Amino acid sequence: MKIKPADCERFIRQPDPKCCAILLYGPDGGLVRERMNRLTRGVVEDPNDPFRIVELSEGDLKNDPARLADEAASISMLGGRRVIRLRGFGDSQAKTLEAFLDNPMGDALILVEGGELGARSPLRVLFEGAENAAAIACYADDARALENVIREKLAQEGLTPEPAALDYLLGNLGSDRGVTLSELEKLSLYMGADSGAPARGLKRTVTLQDVRACVGDNAGSSLDDVVDATVGGDLQALDAALARAHSADVNAIAILNALSRHLQQLHLALARMETGSDAMAALGAMRPPLHFSRKDMVRRQLGLWSRKRLDRAIDLALEAEGLCKTTGLPEAAICGQTLFRVAQGARAGRR
């Protein structure tokens, strides 16, 4: 079944009992992981319980297709329902999952982490059409959803952002739910919150000065930082941005997706310039619109690339995404190597 965006929160709080498997997919890797974790906690109290939680990669099932059924049918040594988390899955395992849904074993909840899947994706079509499975899309927060996340997260700590602080957060967060929550948690600690409860003497109003001092250039634009350093050929900045992204638990596939989208946007911008548009008009036509703070940087990027070289960079990013989803090799290593190859291509454009 296909879960509509308006029904996602209700479904995650109380999944349909007949669903034995749930697919979470989309470009916001942080939101995918957050929802997977919430669904997991709905079944298993301790997220680190090795007897009731099993994680499998796409490579695990590729090497042993029967393992999913075996794990789902297994009974926890200490009792209780189990959760099987399938990480970084793509369409290549649709047949294996279809066979399982046709004849599910045990009572385990199967959670499938997918990347960006098109409407015709076999995996997405399978989960949307099955009566005993569900598909949930995870897209970057729009302005209203992001505002709700910010207000709710800060309210949990007894904090209220003033209008200017909220505007700043809205402008710098939202590209990845995981990064957004990490930054808000850091802001709460900065304001004096402790262990999820307002601390004694806590300053309850978050000002613009507070947000700038805490969030600063480590904002939820971590993906933008990585992408801009890569496409701009700044190896030192890329190393630092990639380290920040990893520390914020930004998924490698989310980074590669963001890179692919940005390279495609540059490709379209160069095409518009070839038909008579100036650089600023081409940048202004980008969708979603560029944040004002990035316009000068992206304009410089246009001078480093040709459409032919962008084609090659896009191929590298898509190839790396496929490797992350299918080989079982370390995603961070694949992603990092690809980013630095693209960055070297940008440096070549300076000559």
Foldseek 3Di string as FASTA:
>chain_A
DEADPVCVVVCLLPPDQLAQEEEEEELFLQQLVVSVVSSQCSFPVDPPPPQAEAEDAQQRCVVPLCVVQVVQQDAGPVGGAHEYEYPQAFLVCLVSVLVCLVPPHHRHRYYYYYYHDDPPGSNQVSQVPRPRHYYYYDAWDDLVRLLVVLQVLLVLALADEDPVLSVVLSLFATRHVLQSSVLSVQLSVLQPGDPRYHDVPGDHYQYNVSSCVRCNPLTNCLLVQLLLCLLQLPVVSNVVSLVSCVVSVRDLLSSLVSNLLLLVLLLQLVVVVVVPDDNVVSQCPDPPHDRPVCSVSVSVSNQQDDNVLSVVLSVLSVVLSVCSRNVPPDSSVSSVVSSNVSSVSSVVSVD
